[in-house]
Amino acid sequence: MPLSNIRIVLVETSHPGNIGAAARAMKNMGLAHLVLVRPALFPHADATARASGADDLLGAAKVCDSLEEALSGCGFVVGTTARARSLPWPQVDPRACAQRLMAESAAHPVAVLFGRERTGLSNRELEHCHLAVHIPTDTDYSSLNLAAAVQVIAYELRMALAEPPTAPEAAPDPEDQPADAEAMGLFYRHLEQVLVEVEFLDPEEPKRLMRRLKRLFGRARPEVRELNILRGILTAVQRRVRR
């Protein structure tokens, strides 16, 4: 199934009714994988009531303690955002987002992140994403309900089924595939550690260095083999510094 590799991830949802409404929006469009990161209340009767028949999605929803756990195994991640960021992230509209997700999902699991009802995704959470998607709204009233945002993205994914883009050919060697979110997270921690050790990064005043580097590597999308080379270089630097 073309949509079976797509996860909808809701981060710290405060109202359980929004979880149920999001599940209903997903089921309307054929999406089935709902992941919840630290929901305030779940399971809950309000979620079941608002699901209106999508109880199976609620029952199968995965509840995670961290975003890293929710994204485990994903090779491509998109984060929704309604506001401008001080450090802009590569951004697309919902239609282009859906086409890209459909193409990527042919090769590996992908995820779409939705943030908190009031504040959305934090900058740190957006750092896990390769792209940001913005739903255009009227400037006089731009606030979208969480479930409505899920519905827009789910609808565009459904429409992308009609004319699916050419899927990238799966590489015969797993090491030639783009590194997944978990591997990139380990690399970023390793990179930050080395930058501190060589005194290029001041941990007391990091500013935006790591965020800019994450944006850079997010655009580059290194393959598993390439990431192993980079980590080998970092390890060699550490050996030299620690002598």
C-alpha atoms as a PDB file:
ATOM      1  CA  MET A   1       0.000   0.000   0.000  1.00  0.00           C
ATOM      2  CA  PRO A   2       1.518   3.358  -1.032  1.00  0.00           C
ATOM      3  CA  LEU A   3       0.525   5.081   2.230  1.00  0.00           C
ATOM      4  CA  SER A   4       1.634   2.294   4.562  1.00  0.00           C
ATOM      5  CA  ASN A   5       5.144   3.714   5.018  1.00  0.00           C
ATOM      6  CA  ILE A   6       3.905   7.127   6.206  1.00  0.00           C
ATOM      7  CA  ARG A   7       3.700   8.011   9.919  1.00  0.00           C
ATOM      8  CA  ILE A   8       1.703  10.883  11.349  1.00  0.00           C
ATOM      9  CA  VAL A   9       3.467  12.007  14.530  1.00  0.00           C
ATOM     10  CA  LEU A  10       1.700  14.270  17.049  1.00  0.00           C
ATOM     11  CA  VAL A  11       4.020  15.898  19.584  1.00  0.00           C
ATOM     12  CA  GLU A  12       2.735  16.613  23.128  1.00  0.00           C
ATOM     13  CA  THR A  13      -0.909  16.992  22.148  1.00  0.00           C
ATOM     14  CA  SER A  14      -2.704  18.669  25.064  1.00  0.00           C
ATOM     15  CA  HIS A  15      -6.345  17.797  24.274  1.00  0.00           C
ATOM     16  CA  PRO A  16      -7.253  14.132  23.709  1.00  0.00           C
ATOM     17  CA  GLY A  17     -10.157  15.133  21.466  1.00  0.00           C
ATOM     18  CA  ASN A  18      -7.640  16.452  18.935  1.00  0.00           C
ATOM     19  CA  ILE A  19      -5.967  13.043  18.832  1.00  0.00           C
ATOM     20  CA  GLY A  20      -9.292  11.401  18.000  1.00  0.00           C
ATOM     21  CA  ALA A  21     -10.124  13.997  15.351  1.00  0.00           C
ATOM     22  CA  ALA A  22      -6.679  13.572  13.793  1.00  0.00           C
ATOM     23  CA  ALA A  23      -7.193   9.796  13.682  1.00  0.00           C
ATOM     24  CA  ARG A  24     -10.506  10.335  11.887  1.00  0.00           C
ATOM     25  CA  ALA A  25      -8.855  12.659   9.358  1.00  0.00           C
ATOM     26  CA  MET A  26      -6.158  10.060   8.730  1.00  0.00           C
ATOM     27  CA  LYS A  27      -8.587   7.182   8.236  1.00  0.00           C
ATOM     28  CA  ASN A  28     -10.661   9.255   5.797  1.00  0.00           C
ATOM     29  CA  MET A  29      -7.610   9.413   3.537  1.00  0.00           C
ATOM     30  CA  GLY A  30      -6.230   5.903   4.047  1.00  0.00           C
ATOM     31  CA  LEU A  31      -3.441   6.659   6.523  1.00  0.00           C
ATOM     32  CA  ALA A  32      -3.088   4.205   9.385  1.00  0.00           C
ATOM     33  CA  HIS A  33       0.130   4.849  11.336  1.00  0.00           C
ATOM     34  CA  LEU A  34      -0.424   7.278  14.213  1.00  0.00           C
ATOM     35  CA  VAL A  35       2.433   7.982  16.636  1.00  0.00           C
ATOM     36  CA  LEU A  36       2.037  10.082  19.788  1.00  0.00           C
ATOM     37  CA  VAL A  37       4.922  11.715  21.637  1.00  0.00           C
ATOM     38  CA  ARG A  38       4.154  12.381  25.315  1.00  0.00           C
ATOM     39  CA  PRO A  39       0.412  13.139  24.926  1.00  0.00           C
ATOM     40  CA  ALA A  40      -1.115  14.876  27.950  1.00  0.00           C
ATOM     41  CA  LEU A  41      -4.061  12.440  28.132  1.00  0.00           C
ATOM     42  CA  PHE A  42      -4.255   9.177  26.222  1.00  0.00           C
ATOM     43  CA  PRO A  43      -6.137   6.915  26.009  1.00  0.00           C
ATOM     44  CA  HIS A  44      -9.201   9.014  26.838  1.00  0.00           C
ATOM     45  CA  ALA A  45     -12.938   8.966  26.191  1.00  0.00           C
ATOM     46  CA  ASP A  46     -12.749  12.304  24.332  1.00  0.00           C
ATOM     47  CA  ALA A  47     -10.286  10.822  21.860  1.00  0.00           C
ATOM     48  CA  THR A  48     -12.588   7.868  21.220  1.00  0.00           C
ATOM     49  CA  ALA A  49     -15.635  10.110  20.804  1.00  0.00           C
ATOM     50  CA  ARG A  50     -13.920  12.416  18.297  1.00  0.00           C
ATOM     51  CA  ALA A  51     -12.457   9.489  16.343  1.00  0.00           C
ATOM     52  CA  SER A  52     -15.963   8.622  15.094  1.00  0.00           C
ATOM     53  CA  GLY A  53     -15.130   5.126  13.892  1.00  0.00           C
ATOM     54  CA  ALA A  54     -11.365   5.423  13.691  1.00  0.00           C
ATOM     55  CA  ASP A  55     -11.008   3.550  16.979  1.00  0.00           C
ATOM     56  CA  ASP A  56      -8.707   1.026  15.311  1.00  0.00           C
ATOM     57  CA  LEU A  57      -6.152   3.770  14.647  1.00  0.00           C
ATOM     58  CA  LEU A  58      -6.313   4.845  18.286  1.00  0.00           C
ATOM     59  CA  GLY A  59      -5.915   1.266  19.450  1.00  0.00           C
ATOM     60  CA  ALA A  60      -2.871   0.771  17.245  1.00  0.00           C
ATOM     61  CA  ALA A  61      -1.322   4.185  17.986  1.00  0.00           C
ATOM     62  CA  LYS A  62       2.234   4.030  19.291  1.00  0.00           C
ATOM     63  CA  VAL A  63       2.947   6.203  22.340  1.00  0.00           C
ATOM     64  CA  CYS A  64       6.588   7.307  22.684  1.00  0.00           C
ATOM     65  CA  ASP A  65       8.587   9.040  25.397  1.00  0.00           C
ATOM     66  CA  SER A  66      10.803  10.867  22.915  1.00  0.00           C
ATOM     67  CA  LEU A  67      10.771  12.183  19.377  1.00  0.00           C
ATOM     68  CA  GLU A  68      13.834  10.087  18.618  1.00  0.00           C
ATOM     69  CA  GLU A  69      11.843   6.947  19.444  1.00  0.00           C
ATOM     70  CA  ALA A  70       8.930   8.109  17.278  1.00  0.00           C
ATOM     71  CA  LEU A  71      11.225   8.650  14.282  1.00  0.00           C
ATOM     72  CA  SER A  72      13.229   5.447  14.648  1.00  0.00           C
ATOM     73  CA  GLY A  73      13.822   3.903  11.228  1.00  0.00           C
ATOM     74  CA  CYS A  74      12.557   6.908   9.258  1.00  0.00           C
ATOM     75  CA  GLY A  75      14.659   7.954   6.277  1.00  0.00           C
ATOM     76  CA  PHE A  76      12.824  11.229   5.620  1.00  0.00           C
ATOM     77  CA  VAL A  77      11.018  13.608   8.008  1.00  0.00           C
ATOM     78  CA  VAL A  78       8.866  16.688   7.402  1.00  0.00           C
ATOM     79  CA  GLY A  79       7.788  19.103  10.136  1.00  0.00           C
ATOM     80  CA  THR A  80       4.746  21.352   9.973  1.00  0.00           C
ATOM     81  CA  THR A  81       5.231  24.999  10.882  1.00  0.00           C
ATOM     82  CA  ALA A  82       2.897  27.983  10.983  1.00  0.00           C
ATOM     83  CA  ARG A  83       5.437  30.662  11.861  1.00  0.00           C
ATOM     84  CA  ALA A  84       8.632  32.094  10.492  1.00  0.00           C
ATOM     85  CA  ARG A  85      11.816  30.873  12.149  1.00  0.00           C
ATOM     86  CA  SER A  86      14.836  32.983  13.040  1.00  0.00           C
ATOM     87  CA  LEU A  87      16.908  30.377  11.205  1.00  0.00           C
ATOM     88  CA  PRO A  88      14.795  29.410   8.157  1.00  0.00           C
ATOM     89  CA  TRP A  89      14.406  25.724   7.316  1.00  0.00           C
ATOM     90  CA  PRO A  90      13.915  24.480   3.707  1.00  0.00           C
ATOM     91  CA  GLN A  91      10.159  24.864   3.195  1.00  0.00           C
ATOM     92  CA  VAL A  92       7.525  23.512   0.793  1.00  0.00           C
ATOM     93  CA  ASP A  93       3.751  23.776   0.428  1.00  0.00           C
ATOM     94  CA  PRO A  94       1.437  20.820   1.223  1.00  0.00           C
ATOM     95  CA  ARG A  95       1.188  19.659  -2.408  1.00  0.00           C
ATOM     96  CA  ALA A  96       4.927  19.545  -2.975  1.00  0.00           C
ATOM     97  CA  CYS A  97       5.334  17.999   0.455  1.00  0.00           C
ATOM     98  CA  ALA A  98       2.932  15.161  -0.380  1.00  0.00           C
ATOM     99  CA  GLN A  99       4.666  14.413  -3.667  1.00  0.00           C
ATOM    100  CA  ARG A 100       8.047  14.261  -1.960  1.00  0.00           C
ATOM    101  CA  LEU A 101       6.725  12.051   0.843  1.00  0.00           C
ATOM    102  CA  MET A 102       5.168   9.626  -1.626  1.00  0.00           C
ATOM    103  CA  ALA A 103       8.436   9.342  -3.538  1.00  0.00           C
ATOM    104  CA  GLU A 104      10.511   8.844  -0.398  1.00  0.00           C
ATOM    105  CA  SER A 105       8.079   6.340   1.132  1.00  0.00           C
ATOM    106  CA  ALA A 106       8.761   3.950  -1.732  1.00  0.00           C
ATOM    107  CA  ALA A 107      12.240   3.385  -0.282  1.00  0.00           C
ATOM    108  CA  HIS A 108      11.855   3.765   3.500  1.00  0.00           C
ATOM    109  CA  PRO A 109       9.480   4.881   6.266  1.00  0.00           C
ATOM    110  CA  VAL A 110       8.762   8.620   6.398  1.00  0.00           C
ATOM    111  CA  ALA A 111       7.119  10.849   8.996  1.00  0.00           C
ATOM    112  CA  VAL A 112       5.155  14.099   9.215  1.00  0.00           C
ATOM    113  CA  LEU A 113       5.446  15.930  12.541  1.00  0.00           C
ATOM    114  CA  PHE A 114       2.681  18.067  14.036  1.00  0.00           C
ATOM    115  CA  GLY A 115       3.470  20.168  17.099  1.00  0.00           C
ATOM    116  CA  ARG A 116       1.574  21.382  20.135  1.00  0.00           C
ATOM    117  CA  GLU A 117      -1.779  23.092  19.660  1.00  0.00           C
ATOM    118  CA  ARG A 118      -0.568  26.445  20.975  1.00  0.00           C
ATOM    119  CA  THR A 119       3.134  26.590  20.163  1.00  0.00           C
ATOM    120  CA  GLY A 120       3.759  24.035  17.404  1.00  0.00           C
ATOM    121  CA  LEU A 121       7.151  22.376  17.041  1.00  0.00           C
ATOM    122  CA  SER A 122      10.177  23.773  18.836  1.00  0.00           C
ATOM    123  CA  ASN A 123      13.294  24.711  16.882  1.00  0.00           C
ATOM    124  CA  ARG A 124      15.071  21.710  18.389  1.00  0.00           C
ATOM    125  CA  GLU A 125      12.300  19.394  17.154  1.00  0.00           C
ATOM    126  CA  LEU A 126      12.391  20.967  13.701  1.00  0.00           C
ATOM    127  CA  GLU A 127      16.096  20.098  13.561  1.00  0.00           C
ATOM    128  CA  HIS A 128      15.042  16.451  13.085  1.00  0.00           C
ATOM    129  CA  CYS A 129      13.332  17.380   9.799  1.00  0.00           C
ATOM    130  CA  HIS A 130      14.663  17.462   6.267  1.00  0.00           C
ATOM    131  CA  LEU A 131      11.903  19.880   5.212  1.00  0.00           C
ATOM    132  CA  ALA A 132       9.291  22.134   6.783  1.00  0.00           C
ATOM    133  CA  VAL A 133       5.777  22.352   5.350  1.00  0.00           C
ATOM    134  CA  HIS A 134       3.614  25.452   5.729  1.00  0.00           C
ATOM    135  CA  ILE A 135      -0.131  25.412   5.054  1.00  0.00           C
ATOM    136  CA  PRO A 136      -1.065  28.759   3.462  1.00  0.00           C
ATOM    137  CA  THR A 137      -3.975  30.458   5.213  1.00  0.00           C
ATOM    138  CA  ASP A 138      -5.650  33.848   5.230  1.00  0.00           C
ATOM    139  CA  THR A 139      -3.451  36.411   6.964  1.00  0.00           C
ATOM    140  CA  ASP A 140      -6.394  37.743   8.994  1.00  0.00           C
ATOM    141  CA  TYR A 141      -7.021  34.358  10.624  1.00  0.00           C
ATOM    142  CA  SER A 142      -4.159  31.940  10.183  1.00  0.00           C
ATOM    143  CA  SER A 143      -4.786  29.640  13.152  1.00  0.00           C
ATOM    144  CA  LEU A 144      -5.521  26.028  12.143  1.00  0.00           C
ATOM    145  CA  ASN A 145      -6.877  23.352  14.451  1.00  0.00           C
ATOM    146  CA  LEU A 146      -4.481  20.414  14.793  1.00  0.00           C
ATOM    147  CA  ALA A 147      -6.898  17.937  13.206  1.00  0.00           C
ATOM    148  CA  ALA A 148      -7.578  20.380  10.353  1.00  0.00           C
ATOM    149  CA  ALA A 149      -3.846  20.576   9.640  1.00  0.00           C
ATOM    150  CA  VAL A 150      -3.619  16.779   9.644  1.00  0.00           C
ATOM    151  CA  GLN A 151      -6.605  16.664   7.257  1.00  0.00           C
ATOM    152  CA  VAL A 152      -4.942  19.040   4.769  1.00  0.00           C
ATOM    153  CA  ILE A 153      -1.723  17.015   4.644  1.00  0.00           C
ATOM    154  CA  ALA A 154      -3.608  13.699   4.535  1.00  0.00           C
ATOM    155  CA  TYR A 155      -5.758  14.976   1.660  1.00  0.00           C
ATOM    156  CA  GLU A 156      -2.714  16.023  -0.360  1.00  0.00           C
ATOM    157  CA  LEU A 157      -1.144  12.620   0.230  1.00  0.00           C
ATOM    158  CA  ARG A 158      -4.323  10.995  -1.048  1.00  0.00           C
ATOM    159  CA  MET A 159      -4.310  13.214  -4.117  1.00  0.00           C
ATOM    160  CA  ALA A 160      -0.664  12.369  -4.766  1.00  0.00           C
ATOM    161  CA  LEU A 161      -1.759   8.750  -5.245  1.00  0.00           C
ATOM    162  CA  ALA A 162      -3.504   9.727  -8.477  1.00  0.00           C
ATOM    163  CA  GLU A 163      -0.262  10.774 -10.144  1.00  0.00           C
ATOM    164  CA  PRO A 164       2.534   9.412  -8.001  1.00  0.00           C
ATOM    165  CA  PRO A 165       5.941  10.872  -8.789  1.00  0.00           C
ATOM    166  CA  THR A 166       8.662   8.623 -10.075  1.00  0.00           C
ATOM    167  CA  ALA A 167       9.953   6.761  -7.055  1.00  0.00           C
ATOM    168  CA  PRO A 168      13.681   6.700  -6.489  1.00  0.00           C
ATOM    169  CA  GLU A 169      15.244   3.366  -7.305  1.00  0.00           C
ATOM    170  CA  ALA A 170      16.055   1.410  -4.176  1.00  0.00           C
ATOM    171  CA  ALA A 171      19.800   0.902  -3.873  1.00  0.00           C
ATOM    172  CA  PRO A 172      20.837  -2.755  -3.849  1.00  0.00           C
ATOM    173  CA  ASP A 173      23.229  -2.120  -0.954  1.00  0.00           C
ATOM    174  CA  PRO A 174      21.665  -0.834   2.310  1.00  0.00           C
ATOM    175  CA  GLU A 175      24.776   1.290   2.913  1.00  0.00           C
ATOM    176  CA  ASP A 176      23.908   3.310  -0.204  1.00  0.00           C
ATOM    177  CA  GLN A 177      20.563   4.359   1.283  1.00  0.00           C
ATOM    178  CA  PRO A 178      20.187   7.714   3.088  1.00  0.00           C
ATOM    179  CA  ALA A 179      20.960   7.410   6.806  1.00  0.00           C
ATOM    180  CA  ASP A 180      17.839   7.253   8.958  1.00  0.00           C
ATOM    181  CA  ALA A 181      16.839   9.647  11.738  1.00  0.00           C
ATOM    182  CA  GLU A 182      18.377   7.530  14.492  1.00  0.00           C
ATOM    183  CA  ALA A 183      21.765   7.313  12.755  1.00  0.00           C
ATOM    184  CA  MET A 184      21.754  11.059  12.071  1.00  0.00           C
ATOM    185  CA  GLY A 185      20.966  11.750  15.721  1.00  0.00           C
ATOM    186  CA  LEU A 186      23.986   9.697  16.824  1.00  0.00           C
ATOM    187  CA  PHE A 187      26.150  11.493  14.279  1.00  0.00           C
ATOM    188  CA  TYR A 188      25.045  14.929  15.520  1.00  0.00           C
ATOM    189  CA  ARG A 189      25.871  14.013  19.103  1.00  0.00           C
ATOM    190  CA  HIS A 190      29.284  12.722  18.008  1.00  0.00           C
ATOM    191  CA  LEU A 191      29.935  15.841  15.933  1.00  0.00           C
ATOM    192  CA  GLU A 192      29.005  18.165  18.794  1.00  0.00           C
ATOM    193  CA  GLN A 193      31.255  16.244  21.179  1.00  0.00           C
ATOM    194  CA  VAL A 194      34.239  16.571  18.838  1.00  0.00           C
ATOM    195  CA  LEU A 195      33.606  20.272  18.178  1.00  0.00           C
ATOM    196  CA  VAL A 196      33.678  20.869  21.923  1.00  0.00           C
ATOM    197  CA  GLU A 197      36.862  18.817  22.340  1.00  0.00           C
ATOM    198  CA  VAL A 198      38.721  20.784  19.638  1.00  0.00           C
ATOM    199  CA  GLU A 199      37.353  24.011  21.175  1.00  0.00           C
ATOM    200  CA  PHE A 200      35.511  25.027  18.021  1.00  0.00           C
ATOM    201  CA  LEU A 201      32.177  25.006  19.875  1.00  0.00           C
ATOM    202  CA  ASP A 202      31.769  26.689  23.250  1.00  0.00           C
ATOM    203  CA  PRO A 203      29.136  24.632  25.150  1.00  0.00           C
ATOM    204  CA  GLU A 204      28.437  27.644  27.376  1.00  0.00           C
ATOM    205  CA  GLU A 205      27.645  29.823  24.361  1.00  0.00           C
ATOM    206  CA  PRO A 206      26.758  27.495  21.458  1.00  0.00           C
ATOM    207  CA  LYS A 207      24.681  30.072  19.569  1.00  0.00           C
ATOM    208  CA  ARG A 208      23.276  28.481  16.395  1.00  0.00           C
ATOM    209  CA  LEU A 209      26.245  26.455  15.219  1.00  0.00           C
ATOM    210  CA  MET A 210      24.731  22.978  15.675  1.00  0.00           C
ATOM    211  CA  ARG A 211      21.394  24.092  14.250  1.00  0.00           C
ATOM    212  CA  ARG A 212      23.112  25.389  11.124  1.00  0.00           C
ATOM    213  CA  LEU A 213      25.130  22.181  10.787  1.00  0.00           C
ATOM    214  CA  LYS A 214      21.983  20.074  11.147  1.00  0.00           C
ATOM    215  CA  ARG A 215      20.338  22.113   8.425  1.00  0.00           C
ATOM    216  CA  LEU A 216      23.412  21.600   6.223  1.00  0.00           C
ATOM    217  CA  PHE A 217      23.517  17.814   6.673  1.00  0.00           C
ATOM    218  CA  GLY A 218      19.735  17.645   6.355  1.00  0.00           C
ATOM    219  CA  ARG A 219      20.060  19.105   2.868  1.00  0.00           C
ATOM    220  CA  ALA A 220      22.988  16.827   2.010  1.00  0.00           C
ATOM    221  CA  ARG A 221      21.214  13.649   3.253  1.00  0.00           C
ATOM    222  CA  PRO A 222      24.395  11.529   3.598  1.00  0.00           C
ATOM    223  CA  GLU A 223      24.128   7.835   2.834  1.00  0.00           C
ATOM    224  CA  VAL A 224      24.904   5.224   5.488  1.00  0.00           C
ATOM    225  CA  ARG A 225      28.346   4.601   3.977  1.00  0.00           C
ATOM    226  CA  GLU A 226      29.096   8.342   3.864  1.00  0.00           C
ATOM    227  CA  LEU A 227      27.959   8.811   7.443  1.00  0.00           C
ATOM    228  CA  ASN A 228      30.268   5.999   8.541  1.00  0.00           C
ATOM    229  CA  ILE A 229      33.153   7.815   6.844  1.00  0.00           C
ATOM    230  CA  LEU A 230      32.282  11.065   8.610  1.00  0.00           C
ATOM    231  CA  ARG A 231      32.085   9.328  11.970  1.00  0.00           C
ATOM    232  CA  GLY A 232      35.410   7.627  11.263  1.00  0.00           C
ATOM    233  CA  ILE A 233      36.952  11.052  10.648  1.00  0.00           C
ATOM    234  CA  LEU A 234      35.486  12.344  13.915  1.00  0.00           C
ATOM    235  CA  THR A 235      36.885   9.351  15.794  1.00  0.00           C
ATOM    236  CA  ALA A 236      40.342   9.935  14.269  1.00  0.00           C
ATOM    237  CA  VAL A 237      40.215  13.579  15.364  1.00  0.00           C
ATOM    238  CA  GLN A 238      39.288  12.496  18.884  1.00  0.00           C
ATOM    239  CA  ARG A 239      42.244  10.081  19.058  1.00  0.00           C
ATOM    240  CA  ARG A 240      44.627  12.834  17.985  1.00  0.00           C
ATOM    241  CA  VAL A 241      43.185  15.381  20.450  1.00  0.00           C
ATOM    242  CA  ARG A 242      43.237  12.937  23.375  1.00  0.00           C
ATOM    243  CA  ARG A 243      46.896  11.950  22.995  1.00  0.00           C
END
